[in-house]
Amino acid sequence: MQHPCQRCGACCARFRVAFHWSETTDFDPSGMPVELTEPLDAHRVSMRGTNCRTPRCIGLLGTIGAEVSCGHYLQRPSPCRDLAAAWEHGEPSPQCERARAAYGLAPLTPADWPAVHMER
C-alpha cells in the first residue's frame, strides 16, 4: 500500500516552510540546498514557493491529491520532518487535516495506516 502522503501533498502546498539557515548547505553539506530557499529574517529561511499567498513548495513534484513526492526528501528541513500525517502515529494532526480540507481531500483516519505499517 502506498503511503497516504504520496497520494496527498496538500501540506506542501498550504503552509510556509520556515527553518533556521543552519539546515541549509551554507552550513551543512547534507542540508537543504540553499538555492531552493529564500531569506525570511536574520535567522530563518523558507522553502522557495512557500512564502506567498498560494504556497507550493519548490520541492513538491506531482499532482496534489493524486500522486506526489518530494524532490529533496532526504534533505527536507525540520518542519517537514516534524509534520506528521493525521493518525500516522495514532494521533490527529490539525495541520494535516486543514491542508487536506483546503484541497477537498477527506481527512485521514486510523484505517488509512494498518497496511502501511505492516510493510515496514
N, C-alpha and C. Protein backbone atom coordinates (compact mmCIF):
# COMPACT_ATOMS: atom_id res chain seq x y z
N MET A 1 0.83 -1.18 0.00
CA MET A 1 0.00 0.00 0.00
C MET A 1 0.88 1.25 0.00
N GLN A 2 0.55 2.19 -0.81
CA GLN A 2 1.30 3.44 -0.90
C GLN A 2 1.04 4.30 0.34
N HIS A 3 2.07 4.96 0.82
CA HIS A 3 1.94 5.86 1.97
C HIS A 3 0.93 6.95 1.61
N PRO A 4 -0.02 7.26 2.49
CA PRO A 4 -1.04 8.27 2.18
C PRO A 4 -0.48 9.63 1.77
N CYS A 5 0.68 10.01 2.29
CA CYS A 5 1.27 11.30 1.92
C CYS A 5 1.66 11.34 0.44
N GLN A 6 1.96 10.19 -0.13
CA GLN A 6 2.33 10.14 -1.55
C GLN A 6 1.13 10.22 -2.48
N ARG A 7 -0.06 10.25 -1.90
CA ARG A 7 -1.29 10.49 -2.66
C ARG A 7 -1.89 11.84 -2.30
N CYS A 8 -1.17 12.62 -1.50
CA CYS A 8 -1.75 13.88 -0.99
C CYS A 8 -0.92 15.08 -1.42
N GLY A 9 0.07 15.48 -0.63
CA GLY A 9 0.90 16.63 -0.94
C GLY A 9 0.32 17.97 -0.51
N ALA A 10 -0.85 17.94 0.12
CA ALA A 10 -1.53 19.20 0.47
C ALA A 10 -0.71 20.06 1.42
N CYS A 11 -0.02 19.47 2.38
CA CYS A 11 0.75 20.28 3.33
C CYS A 11 1.87 21.04 2.61
N CYS A 12 2.40 20.47 1.55
CA CYS A 12 3.48 21.11 0.79
C CYS A 12 2.98 22.28 -0.06
N ALA A 13 1.69 22.40 -0.17
CA ALA A 13 1.10 23.47 -0.97
C ALA A 13 0.09 24.26 -0.15
N ARG A 14 0.33 24.31 1.17
CA ARG A 14 -0.61 25.03 2.02
C ARG A 14 0.08 25.91 3.06
N PHE A 15 1.28 25.52 3.49
CA PHE A 15 1.96 26.21 4.58
C PHE A 15 3.32 26.76 4.17
N ARG A 16 3.74 27.83 4.86
CA ARG A 16 5.12 28.31 4.68
C ARG A 16 6.04 27.35 5.42
N VAL A 17 7.14 27.00 4.80
CA VAL A 17 8.13 26.13 5.41
C VAL A 17 9.32 26.99 5.78
N ALA A 18 9.36 27.41 7.04
CA ALA A 18 10.42 28.27 7.55
C ALA A 18 11.29 27.48 8.53
N PHE A 19 12.60 27.69 8.45
CA PHE A 19 13.52 26.97 9.32
C PHE A 19 14.82 27.73 9.44
N HIS A 20 15.64 27.35 10.41
CA HIS A 20 16.91 28.02 10.65
C HIS A 20 17.85 27.77 9.47
N TRP A 21 18.61 28.80 9.13
CA TRP A 21 19.51 28.71 7.97
C TRP A 21 20.56 27.61 8.14
N SER A 22 20.82 27.17 9.37
CA SER A 22 21.84 26.13 9.58
C SER A 22 21.41 24.77 9.02
N GLU A 23 20.16 24.65 8.59
CA GLU A 23 19.70 23.41 7.96
C GLU A 23 19.96 23.42 6.46
N THR A 24 20.63 24.45 5.95
CA THR A 24 20.92 24.54 4.52
C THR A 24 22.37 24.14 4.25
N THR A 25 22.69 24.00 2.98
CA THR A 25 24.05 23.65 2.58
C THR A 25 25.05 24.77 2.86
N ASP A 26 24.59 25.97 3.20
CA ASP A 26 25.51 27.02 3.62
C ASP A 26 26.22 26.64 4.91
N PHE A 27 25.61 25.76 5.70
CA PHE A 27 26.18 25.34 6.98
C PHE A 27 26.52 23.86 6.99
N ASP A 28 25.65 23.06 6.41
CA ASP A 28 25.78 21.60 6.45
C ASP A 28 25.68 21.06 5.02
N PRO A 29 26.74 20.47 4.51
CA PRO A 29 26.73 19.98 3.12
C PRO A 29 25.60 19.00 2.82
N SER A 30 25.06 18.34 3.85
CA SER A 30 23.97 17.39 3.62
C SER A 30 22.60 18.04 3.82
N GLY A 31 22.58 19.35 4.05
CA GLY A 31 21.32 20.05 4.30
C GLY A 31 20.56 20.38 3.03
N MET A 32 19.51 21.17 3.21
CA MET A 32 18.68 21.61 2.08
C MET A 32 19.52 22.53 1.20
N PRO A 33 19.56 22.29 -0.11
CA PRO A 33 20.31 23.18 -1.00
C PRO A 33 19.83 24.63 -0.82
N VAL A 34 20.77 25.51 -0.50
CA VAL A 34 20.43 26.90 -0.18
C VAL A 34 19.74 27.58 -1.36
N GLU A 35 20.02 27.16 -2.58
CA GLU A 35 19.38 27.79 -3.74
C GLU A 35 17.89 27.49 -3.83
N LEU A 36 17.41 26.54 -3.04
CA LEU A 36 15.98 26.22 -3.01
C LEU A 36 15.25 26.97 -1.89
N THR A 37 15.98 27.86 -1.23
CA THR A 37 15.41 28.64 -0.13
C THR A 37 15.49 30.13 -0.45
N GLU A 38 14.78 30.90 0.37
CA GLU A 38 14.88 32.36 0.29
C GLU A 38 14.93 32.92 1.69
N PRO A 39 15.65 34.03 1.88
CA PRO A 39 15.76 34.60 3.23
C PRO A 39 14.39 35.02 3.77
N LEU A 40 14.19 34.78 5.06
CA LEU A 40 12.95 35.18 5.71
C LEU A 40 13.24 36.27 6.74
N ASP A 41 14.23 36.04 7.57
CA ASP A 41 14.69 37.06 8.51
C ASP A 41 16.15 36.75 8.83
N ALA A 42 16.70 37.36 9.87
CA ALA A 42 18.13 37.21 10.15
C ALA A 42 18.55 35.77 10.45
N HIS A 43 17.62 34.96 10.91
CA HIS A 43 17.98 33.60 11.31
C HIS A 43 17.28 32.49 10.54
N ARG A 44 16.25 32.86 9.79
CA ARG A 44 15.46 31.83 9.12
C ARG A 44 15.41 32.04 7.61
N VAL A 45 15.19 30.92 6.94
CA VAL A 45 14.92 30.90 5.51
C VAL A 45 13.60 30.17 5.32
N SER A 46 13.05 30.26 4.14
CA SER A 46 11.86 29.47 3.81
C SER A 46 12.10 28.76 2.49
N MET A 47 11.40 27.68 2.31
CA MET A 47 11.50 26.98 1.03
C MET A 47 10.90 27.88 -0.05
N ARG A 48 11.56 27.96 -1.17
CA ARG A 48 11.03 28.76 -2.28
C ARG A 48 9.63 28.27 -2.62
N GLY A 49 8.76 29.22 -2.85
CA GLY A 49 7.39 28.90 -3.21
C GLY A 49 6.43 28.81 -2.05
N THR A 50 6.95 28.81 -0.81
CA THR A 50 6.04 28.66 0.33
C THR A 50 5.73 29.96 1.05
N ASN A 51 6.42 31.02 0.74
CA ASN A 51 6.21 32.29 1.43
C ASN A 51 5.38 33.23 0.57
N CYS A 52 4.20 32.77 0.18
CA CYS A 52 3.33 33.58 -0.66
C CYS A 52 1.87 33.21 -0.37
N ARG A 53 0.97 33.96 -0.97
CA ARG A 53 -0.47 33.76 -0.71
C ARG A 53 -0.94 32.35 -1.08
N THR A 54 -0.48 31.83 -2.19
CA THR A 54 -0.84 30.47 -2.61
C THR A 54 0.44 29.64 -2.66
N PRO A 55 0.85 29.13 -1.51
CA PRO A 55 2.13 28.42 -1.44
C PRO A 55 2.14 27.10 -2.19
N ARG A 56 3.30 26.77 -2.69
CA ARG A 56 3.59 25.44 -3.23
C ARG A 56 5.10 25.29 -3.18
N CYS A 57 5.56 24.37 -2.39
CA CYS A 57 6.99 24.17 -2.21
C CYS A 57 7.66 23.80 -3.53
N ILE A 58 8.83 24.37 -3.75
CA ILE A 58 9.59 24.08 -4.96
C ILE A 58 9.96 22.60 -5.06
N GLY A 59 10.03 21.92 -3.91
CA GLY A 59 10.38 20.51 -3.90
C GLY A 59 9.24 19.56 -4.21
N LEU A 60 8.01 20.06 -4.20
CA LEU A 60 6.85 19.20 -4.43
C LEU A 60 6.73 18.83 -5.90
N LEU A 61 6.72 17.55 -6.17
CA LEU A 61 6.57 17.03 -7.53
C LEU A 61 5.24 16.30 -7.63
N GLY A 62 4.55 16.46 -8.74
CA GLY A 62 3.32 15.71 -8.96
C GLY A 62 2.08 16.52 -8.78
N THR A 63 0.95 15.82 -8.70
CA THR A 63 -0.38 16.42 -8.61
C THR A 63 -0.97 16.18 -7.24
N ILE A 64 -1.32 17.26 -6.56
CA ILE A 64 -1.90 17.16 -5.22
C ILE A 64 -3.17 16.32 -5.27
N GLY A 65 -3.28 15.39 -4.34
CA GLY A 65 -4.45 14.53 -4.26
C GLY A 65 -4.40 13.33 -5.17
N ALA A 66 -3.34 13.20 -5.95
CA ALA A 66 -3.23 12.06 -6.87
C ALA A 66 -1.95 11.28 -6.61
N GLU A 67 -0.83 11.86 -6.99
CA GLU A 67 0.46 11.21 -6.78
C GLU A 67 1.52 12.30 -6.66
N VAL A 68 2.21 12.33 -5.52
CA VAL A 68 3.22 13.35 -5.26
C VAL A 68 4.45 12.74 -4.63
N SER A 69 5.51 13.51 -4.68
CA SER A 69 6.74 13.15 -3.98
C SER A 69 7.52 14.43 -3.70
N CYS A 70 8.52 14.30 -2.86
CA CYS A 70 9.39 15.43 -2.54
C CYS A 70 10.71 15.23 -3.28
N GLY A 71 11.07 16.21 -4.07
CA GLY A 71 12.31 16.12 -4.84
C GLY A 71 13.56 16.18 -3.98
N HIS A 72 13.40 16.51 -2.69
CA HIS A 72 14.54 16.62 -1.78
C HIS A 72 14.23 15.97 -0.44
N TYR A 73 13.55 14.85 -0.50
CA TYR A 73 13.04 14.19 0.71
C TYR A 73 14.13 13.93 1.75
N LEU A 74 15.26 13.41 1.35
CA LEU A 74 16.31 13.08 2.31
C LEU A 74 16.93 14.32 2.94
N GLN A 75 16.81 15.46 2.29
CA GLN A 75 17.37 16.71 2.80
C GLN A 75 16.30 17.62 3.41
N ARG A 76 15.07 17.17 3.48
CA ARG A 76 13.98 18.03 3.92
C ARG A 76 14.27 18.63 5.29
N PRO A 77 13.83 19.86 5.50
CA PRO A 77 14.12 20.55 6.75
C PRO A 77 13.21 20.08 7.89
N SER A 78 13.52 20.54 9.08
CA SER A 78 12.81 20.10 10.29
C SER A 78 11.30 20.30 10.24
N PRO A 79 10.76 21.40 9.70
CA PRO A 79 9.29 21.50 9.69
C PRO A 79 8.64 20.37 8.89
N CYS A 80 9.30 19.94 7.85
CA CYS A 80 8.76 18.84 7.03
C CYS A 80 8.91 17.51 7.77
N ARG A 81 10.02 17.33 8.46
CA ARG A 81 10.22 16.11 9.23
C ARG A 81 9.25 16.03 10.41
N ASP A 82 8.94 17.19 10.99
CA ASP A 82 8.12 17.23 12.20
C ASP A 82 6.63 17.12 11.95
N LEU A 83 6.17 17.48 10.78
CA LEU A 83 4.73 17.45 10.50
C LEU A 83 4.30 16.02 10.16
N ALA A 84 3.61 15.42 11.09
CA ALA A 84 3.13 14.05 10.89
C ALA A 84 1.74 14.09 10.24
N ALA A 85 1.50 13.13 9.42
CA ALA A 85 0.18 12.98 8.83
C ALA A 85 -0.80 12.55 9.92
N ALA A 86 -2.05 12.93 9.77
CA ALA A 86 -3.07 12.56 10.75
C ALA A 86 -3.12 11.04 10.92
N TRP A 87 -3.06 10.61 12.14
CA TRP A 87 -3.18 9.22 12.58
C TRP A 87 -2.00 8.35 12.22
N GLU A 88 -0.96 8.91 11.62
CA GLU A 88 0.20 8.09 11.27
C GLU A 88 0.82 7.46 12.52
N HIS A 89 0.80 8.21 13.61
CA HIS A 89 1.36 7.72 14.88
C HIS A 89 0.28 7.61 15.95
N GLY A 90 -0.96 7.41 15.50
CA GLY A 90 -2.07 7.21 16.42
C GLY A 90 -2.68 8.49 16.97
N GLU A 91 -2.34 9.64 16.39
CA GLU A 91 -2.87 10.91 16.87
C GLU A 91 -3.37 11.75 15.71
N PRO A 92 -4.35 12.62 15.97
CA PRO A 92 -4.79 13.53 14.91
C PRO A 92 -3.72 14.56 14.61
N SER A 93 -3.80 15.19 13.47
CA SER A 93 -2.89 16.27 13.09
C SER A 93 -3.72 17.40 12.51
N PRO A 94 -3.99 18.43 13.31
CA PRO A 94 -4.79 19.54 12.81
C PRO A 94 -4.22 20.18 11.53
N GLN A 95 -2.89 20.29 11.44
CA GLN A 95 -2.30 20.86 10.23
C GLN A 95 -2.59 20.00 9.01
N CYS A 96 -2.41 18.71 9.15
CA CYS A 96 -2.70 17.79 8.05
C CYS A 96 -4.16 17.91 7.64
N GLU A 97 -5.05 17.91 8.62
CA GLU A 97 -6.47 17.97 8.31
C GLU A 97 -6.85 19.28 7.63
N ARG A 98 -6.27 20.42 8.08
CA ARG A 98 -6.55 21.71 7.43
C ARG A 98 -6.05 21.73 6.00
N ALA A 99 -4.86 21.21 5.78
CA ALA A 99 -4.29 21.21 4.43
C ALA A 99 -5.13 20.34 3.50
N ARG A 100 -5.49 19.16 3.95
CA ARG A 100 -6.30 18.26 3.11
C ARG A 100 -7.65 18.89 2.80
N ALA A 101 -8.28 19.51 3.80
CA ALA A 101 -9.59 20.15 3.59
C ALA A 101 -9.48 21.27 2.56
N ALA A 102 -8.39 22.00 2.57
CA ALA A 102 -8.21 23.11 1.62
C ALA A 102 -8.19 22.62 0.18
N TYR A 103 -7.83 21.37 -0.02
CA TYR A 103 -7.78 20.78 -1.37
C TYR A 103 -8.94 19.82 -1.62
N GLY A 104 -9.92 19.83 -0.73
CA GLY A 104 -11.09 18.98 -0.92
C GLY A 104 -10.83 17.50 -0.69
N LEU A 105 -9.78 17.19 0.07
CA LEU A 105 -9.44 15.79 0.34
C LEU A 105 -10.04 15.39 1.69
N ALA A 106 -10.55 14.19 1.76
CA ALA A 106 -11.12 13.68 3.01
C ALA A 106 -10.02 13.56 4.06
N PRO A 107 -10.38 13.73 5.32
CA PRO A 107 -9.39 13.56 6.39
C PRO A 107 -8.89 12.13 6.43
N LEU A 108 -7.64 11.97 6.83
CA LEU A 108 -7.12 10.62 7.04
C LEU A 108 -7.74 10.06 8.31
N THR A 109 -7.83 8.76 8.38
CA THR A 109 -8.36 8.08 9.56
C THR A 109 -7.39 6.98 9.97
N PRO A 110 -7.54 6.42 11.15
CA PRO A 110 -6.67 5.31 11.54
C PRO A 110 -6.70 4.16 10.54
N ALA A 111 -7.81 3.99 9.84
CA ALA A 111 -7.92 2.90 8.86
C ALA A 111 -6.98 3.09 7.67
N ASP A 112 -6.47 4.30 7.46
CA ASP A 112 -5.55 4.54 6.35
C ASP A 112 -4.16 3.99 6.62
N TRP A 113 -3.86 3.53 7.83
CA TRP A 113 -2.49 3.20 8.21
C TRP A 113 -2.14 1.73 8.41
N PRO A 114 -3.02 0.82 8.73
CA PRO A 114 -2.55 -0.54 9.06
C PRO A 114 -1.68 -1.18 8.00
N ALA A 115 -2.06 -1.12 6.76
CA ALA A 115 -1.28 -1.78 5.71
C ALA A 115 0.07 -1.12 5.53
N VAL A 116 0.14 0.19 5.68
CA VAL A 116 1.41 0.90 5.55
C VAL A 116 2.37 0.44 6.64
N HIS A 117 1.92 0.36 7.88
CA HIS A 117 2.79 -0.04 8.98
C HIS A 117 3.20 -1.49 8.91
N MET A 118 2.38 -2.35 8.32
CA MET A 118 2.72 -3.76 8.21
C MET A 118 3.86 -3.98 7.22
N GLU A 119 4.03 -3.07 6.23
CA GLU A 119 5.09 -3.23 5.25
C GLU A 119 6.46 -2.90 5.79
N ARG A 120 6.54 -2.13 6.86
CA ARG A 120 7.83 -1.67 7.38
C ARG A 120 8.62 -2.77 7.99
